[in-house]
Amino acid sequence: MREIRLTIRPFVFGNGKFAAIKVLEKAAESFGSWQVLDREYCRANDEKPYMKALRTHIADELADLIQSACNLADRYDLDLESAMKRCEIRNRDRGRYE
Protein backbone atom coordinates (compact mmCIF):
# COMPACT_ATOMS: atom_id res chain seq x y z
CA MET A 1 0.00 0.00 0.00
CA ARG A 2 1.34 3.39 -0.88
CA GLU A 3 0.63 6.56 1.01
CA ILE A 4 -0.56 9.65 -0.84
CA ARG A 5 0.35 13.01 0.68
CA LEU A 6 -1.15 16.15 -0.77
CA THR A 7 -0.97 19.84 -0.10
CA ILE A 8 -4.21 21.55 -1.07
CA ARG A 9 -4.79 25.29 -0.87
CA PRO A 10 -8.55 25.85 -0.55
CA PHE A 11 -10.16 28.88 -2.12
CA VAL A 12 -13.57 30.46 -1.70
CA PHE A 13 -15.82 30.50 -4.73
CA GLY A 14 -19.58 30.96 -4.56
CA ASN A 15 -21.77 30.24 -1.56
CA GLY A 16 -21.93 27.11 0.62
CA LYS A 17 -24.55 25.40 -1.51
CA PHE A 18 -22.48 26.06 -4.63
CA ALA A 19 -19.43 24.56 -2.91
CA ALA A 20 -21.40 21.41 -1.99
CA ILE A 21 -22.83 21.06 -5.49
CA LYS A 22 -19.33 21.46 -6.95
CA VAL A 23 -18.23 18.33 -5.06
CA LEU A 24 -21.10 16.39 -6.66
CA GLU A 25 -20.29 17.78 -10.11
CA LYS A 26 -16.63 16.86 -9.82
CA ALA A 27 -17.49 13.39 -8.50
CA ALA A 28 -19.74 12.81 -11.52
CA GLU A 29 -17.03 14.02 -13.91
CA SER A 30 -14.49 11.72 -12.21
CA PHE A 31 -16.84 8.78 -12.59
CA GLY A 32 -17.41 9.58 -16.27
CA SER A 33 -13.66 9.74 -16.86
CA TRP A 34 -13.18 6.44 -15.08
CA GLN A 35 -15.82 4.82 -17.30
CA VAL A 36 -13.89 5.83 -20.41
CA LEU A 37 -10.55 4.78 -18.91
CA ASP A 38 -11.91 1.42 -17.74
CA ARG A 39 -13.53 0.63 -21.09
CA GLU A 40 -10.41 1.57 -23.03
CA TYR A 41 -8.08 -0.17 -20.58
CA CYS A 42 -9.97 -3.42 -21.08
CA ARG A 43 -9.55 -3.05 -24.85
CA ALA A 44 -6.00 -1.78 -25.01
CA ASN A 45 -4.36 -3.23 -21.90
CA ASP A 46 -2.63 0.12 -21.35
CA GLU A 47 -0.58 -0.24 -24.55
CA LYS A 48 -2.17 2.40 -26.76
CA PRO A 49 -0.59 5.88 -26.83
CA TYR A 50 -3.85 7.60 -25.92
CA MET A 51 -4.02 5.67 -22.62
CA LYS A 52 -1.51 8.09 -21.10
CA ALA A 53 -3.84 10.98 -21.98
CA LEU A 54 -6.82 9.15 -20.48
CA ARG A 55 -4.90 8.44 -17.29
CA THR A 56 -3.84 12.09 -17.07
CA HIS A 57 -7.43 13.21 -17.65
CA ILE A 58 -8.87 11.08 -14.83
CA ALA A 59 -6.05 12.22 -12.52
CA ASP A 60 -6.97 15.84 -13.32
CA GLU A 61 -10.66 15.13 -12.64
CA LEU A 62 -9.79 13.51 -9.30
CA ALA A 63 -7.61 16.50 -8.41
CA ASP A 64 -10.57 18.79 -9.14
CA LEU A 65 -12.75 16.60 -6.89
CA ILE A 66 -10.25 16.71 -4.04
CA GLN A 67 -9.88 20.49 -4.44
CA SER A 68 -13.67 20.91 -4.34
CA ALA A 69 -14.00 18.75 -1.23
CA CYS A 70 -11.26 20.73 0.50
CA ASN A 71 -12.90 24.03 -0.49
CA LEU A 72 -16.16 22.84 1.11
CA ALA A 73 -14.39 21.65 4.26
CA ASP A 74 -12.48 24.92 4.56
CA ARG A 75 -15.63 26.99 4.15
CA TYR A 76 -17.12 25.37 7.28
CA ASP A 77 -13.82 25.03 9.17
CA LEU A 78 -13.99 21.22 9.18
CA ASP A 79 -11.01 19.24 10.47
CA LEU A 80 -10.25 16.96 7.52
CA GLU A 81 -6.98 15.72 8.96
CA SER A 82 -8.76 14.25 12.00
CA ALA A 83 -11.56 12.98 9.77
CA MET A 84 -9.04 11.14 7.57
CA LYS A 85 -7.50 9.52 10.65
CA ARG A 86 -10.96 8.32 11.74
CA CYS A 87 -11.62 7.11 8.19
CA GLU A 88 -8.38 5.09 8.23
CA ILE A 89 -9.36 3.51 11.55
CA ARG A 90 -12.77 2.54 10.13
CA ASN A 91 -11.15 1.04 7.04
CA ARG A 92 -8.56 -0.80 9.12
CA ASP A 93 -11.34 -2.20 11.33
CA ARG A 94 -13.09 -3.40 8.16
CA GLY A 95 -9.95 -5.23 7.03
CA ARG A 96 -9.30 -3.03 4.01
CA TYR A 97 -5.57 -2.66 4.68
CA GLU A 98 -3.10 -5.51 4.55
C-alpha atoms as a PDB file:
ATOM      1  CA  MET A   1       0.000   0.000   0.000  1.00  0.00           C
ATOM      2  CA  ARG A   2       1.342   3.394  -0.878  1.00  0.00           C
ATOM      3  CA  GLU A   3       0.629   6.564   1.007  1.00  0.00           C
ATOM      4  CA  ILE A   4      -0.560   9.648  -0.836  1.00  0.00           C
ATOM      5  CA  ARG A   5       0.347  13.009   0.677  1.00  0.00           C
ATOM      6  CA  LEU A   6      -1.155  16.148  -0.772  1.00  0.00           C
ATOM      7  CA  THR A   7      -0.975  19.839  -0.100  1.00  0.00           C
ATOM      8  CA  ILE A   8      -4.209  21.549  -1.069  1.00  0.00           C
ATOM      9  CA  ARG A   9      -4.791  25.289  -0.865  1.00  0.00           C
ATOM     10  CA  PRO A  10      -8.548  25.855  -0.550  1.00  0.00           C
ATOM     11  CA  PHE A  11     -10.156  28.884  -2.118  1.00  0.00           C
ATOM     12  CA  VAL A  12     -13.574  30.459  -1.699  1.00  0.00           C
ATOM     13  CA  PHE A  13     -15.816  30.498  -4.734  1.00  0.00           C
ATOM     14  CA  GLY A  14     -19.582  30.959  -4.563  1.00  0.00           C
ATOM     15  CA  ASN A  15     -21.768  30.238  -1.565  1.00  0.00           C
ATOM     16  CA  GLY A  16     -21.929  27.114   0.623  1.00  0.00           C
ATOM     17  CA  LYS A  17     -24.548  25.404  -1.511  1.00  0.00           C
ATOM     18  CA  PHE A  18     -22.482  26.056  -4.635  1.00  0.00           C
ATOM     19  CA  ALA A  19     -19.433  24.559  -2.909  1.00  0.00           C
ATOM     20  CA  ALA A  20     -21.402  21.413  -1.986  1.00  0.00           C
ATOM     21  CA  ILE A  21     -22.831  21.057  -5.490  1.00  0.00           C
ATOM     22  CA  LYS A  22     -19.333  21.458  -6.949  1.00  0.00           C
ATOM     23  CA  VAL A  23     -18.234  18.327  -5.065  1.00  0.00           C
ATOM     24  CA  LEU A  24     -21.099  16.388  -6.665  1.00  0.00           C
ATOM     25  CA  GLU A  25     -20.293  17.785 -10.111  1.00  0.00           C
ATOM     26  CA  LYS A  26     -16.628  16.865  -9.823  1.00  0.00           C
ATOM     27  CA  ALA A  27     -17.489  13.388  -8.503  1.00  0.00           C
ATOM     28  CA  ALA A  28     -19.740  12.808 -11.518  1.00  0.00           C
ATOM     29  CA  GLU A  29     -17.031  14.016 -13.905  1.00  0.00           C
ATOM     30  CA  SER A  30     -14.489  11.725 -12.210  1.00  0.00           C
ATOM     31  CA  PHE A  31     -16.844   8.780 -12.594  1.00  0.00           C
ATOM     32  CA  GLY A  32     -17.412   9.578 -16.267  1.00  0.00           C
ATOM     33  CA  SER A  33     -13.662   9.739 -16.863  1.00  0.00           C
ATOM     34  CA  TRP A  34     -13.180   6.444 -15.075  1.00  0.00           C
ATOM     35  CA  GLN A  35     -15.823   4.821 -17.296  1.00  0.00           C
ATOM     36  CA  VAL A  36     -13.886   5.828 -20.415  1.00  0.00           C
ATOM     37  CA  LEU A  37     -10.553   4.780 -18.915  1.00  0.00           C
ATOM     38  CA  ASP A  38     -11.910   1.420 -17.742  1.00  0.00           C
ATOM     39  CA  ARG A  39     -13.531   0.634 -21.088  1.00  0.00           C
ATOM     40  CA  GLU A  40     -10.410   1.567 -23.031  1.00  0.00           C
ATOM     41  CA  TYR A  41      -8.084  -0.165 -20.581  1.00  0.00           C
ATOM     42  CA  CYS A  42      -9.969  -3.423 -21.080  1.00  0.00           C
ATOM     43  CA  ARG A  43      -9.550  -3.051 -24.853  1.00  0.00           C
ATOM     44  CA  ALA A  44      -5.997  -1.775 -25.007  1.00  0.00           C
ATOM     45  CA  ASN A  45      -4.357  -3.226 -21.897  1.00  0.00           C
ATOM     46  CA  ASP A  46      -2.631   0.122 -21.346  1.00  0.00           C
ATOM     47  CA  GLU A  47      -0.580  -0.243 -24.546  1.00  0.00           C
ATOM     48  CA  LYS A  48      -2.175   2.398 -26.762  1.00  0.00           C
ATOM     49  CA  PRO A  49      -0.586   5.876 -26.826  1.00  0.00           C
ATOM     50  CA  TYR A  50      -3.848   7.600 -25.918  1.00  0.00           C
ATOM     51  CA  MET A  51      -4.020   5.671 -22.625  1.00  0.00           C
ATOM     52  CA  LYS A  52      -1.507   8.094 -21.098  1.00  0.00           C
ATOM     53  CA  ALA A  53      -3.837  10.983 -21.981  1.00  0.00           C
ATOM     54  CA  LEU A  54      -6.823   9.151 -20.481  1.00  0.00           C
ATOM     55  CA  ARG A  55      -4.901   8.437 -17.287  1.00  0.00           C
ATOM     56  CA  THR A  56      -3.838  12.095 -17.074  1.00  0.00           C
ATOM     57  CA  HIS A  57      -7.430  13.205 -17.652  1.00  0.00           C
ATOM     58  CA  ILE A  58      -8.868  11.081 -14.832  1.00  0.00           C
ATOM     59  CA  ALA A  59      -6.053  12.217 -12.523  1.00  0.00           C
ATOM     60  CA  ASP A  60      -6.966  15.838 -13.323  1.00  0.00           C
ATOM     61  CA  GLU A  61     -10.658  15.134 -12.640  1.00  0.00           C
ATOM     62  CA  LEU A  62      -9.786  13.512  -9.303  1.00  0.00           C
ATOM     63  CA  ALA A  63      -7.610  16.499  -8.409  1.00  0.00           C
ATOM     64  CA  ASP A  64     -10.568  18.789  -9.142  1.00  0.00           C
ATOM     65  CA  LEU A  65     -12.750  16.603  -6.893  1.00  0.00           C
ATOM     66  CA  ILE A  66     -10.253  16.712  -4.039  1.00  0.00           C
ATOM     67  CA  GLN A  67      -9.884  20.487  -4.445  1.00  0.00           C
ATOM     68  CA  SER A  68     -13.670  20.915  -4.342  1.00  0.00           C
ATOM     69  CA  ALA A  69     -14.000  18.752  -1.230  1.00  0.00           C
ATOM     70  CA  CYS A  70     -11.256  20.734   0.498  1.00  0.00           C
ATOM     71  CA  ASN A  71     -12.903  24.027  -0.494  1.00  0.00           C
ATOM     72  CA  LEU A  72     -16.160  22.842   1.107  1.00  0.00           C
ATOM     73  CA  ALA A  73     -14.390  21.650   4.264  1.00  0.00           C
ATOM     74  CA  ASP A  74     -12.485  24.924   4.564  1.00  0.00           C
ATOM     75  CA  ARG A  75     -15.635  26.989   4.153  1.00  0.00           C
ATOM     76  CA  TYR A  76     -17.116  25.370   7.277  1.00  0.00           C
ATOM     77  CA  ASP A  77     -13.817  25.032   9.170  1.00  0.00           C
ATOM     78  CA  LEU A  78     -13.991  21.222   9.176  1.00  0.00           C
ATOM     79  CA  ASP A  79     -11.010  19.240  10.468  1.00  0.00           C
ATOM     80  CA  LEU A  80     -10.246  16.958   7.516  1.00  0.00           C
ATOM     81  CA  GLU A  81      -6.978  15.722   8.964  1.00  0.00           C
ATOM     82  CA  SER A  82      -8.757  14.248  11.997  1.00  0.00           C
ATOM     83  CA  ALA A  83     -11.563  12.984   9.773  1.00  0.00           C
ATOM     84  CA  MET A  84      -9.042  11.144   7.572  1.00  0.00           C
ATOM     85  CA  LYS A  85      -7.497   9.518  10.648  1.00  0.00           C
ATOM     86  CA  ARG A  86     -10.959   8.319  11.740  1.00  0.00           C
ATOM     87  CA  CYS A  87     -11.619   7.111   8.193  1.00  0.00           C
ATOM     88  CA  GLU A  88      -8.381   5.093   8.229  1.00  0.00           C
ATOM     89  CA  ILE A  89      -9.357   3.505  11.546  1.00  0.00           C
ATOM     90  CA  ARG A  90     -12.770   2.545  10.128  1.00  0.00           C
ATOM     91  CA  ASN A  91     -11.152   1.042   7.037  1.00  0.00           C
ATOM     92  CA  ARG A  92      -8.559  -0.797   9.115  1.00  0.00           C
ATOM     93  CA  ASP A  93     -11.339  -2.203  11.325  1.00  0.00           C
ATOM     94  CA  ARG A  94     -13.091  -3.399   8.163  1.00  0.00           C
ATOM     95  CA  GLY A  95      -9.953  -5.227   7.028  1.00  0.00           C
ATOM     96  CA  ARG A  96      -9.296  -3.025   4.009  1.00  0.00           C
ATOM     97  CA  TYR A  97      -5.568  -2.662   4.678  1.00  0.00           C
ATOM     98  CA  GLU A  98      -3.099  -5.512   4.553  1.00  0.00           C
END
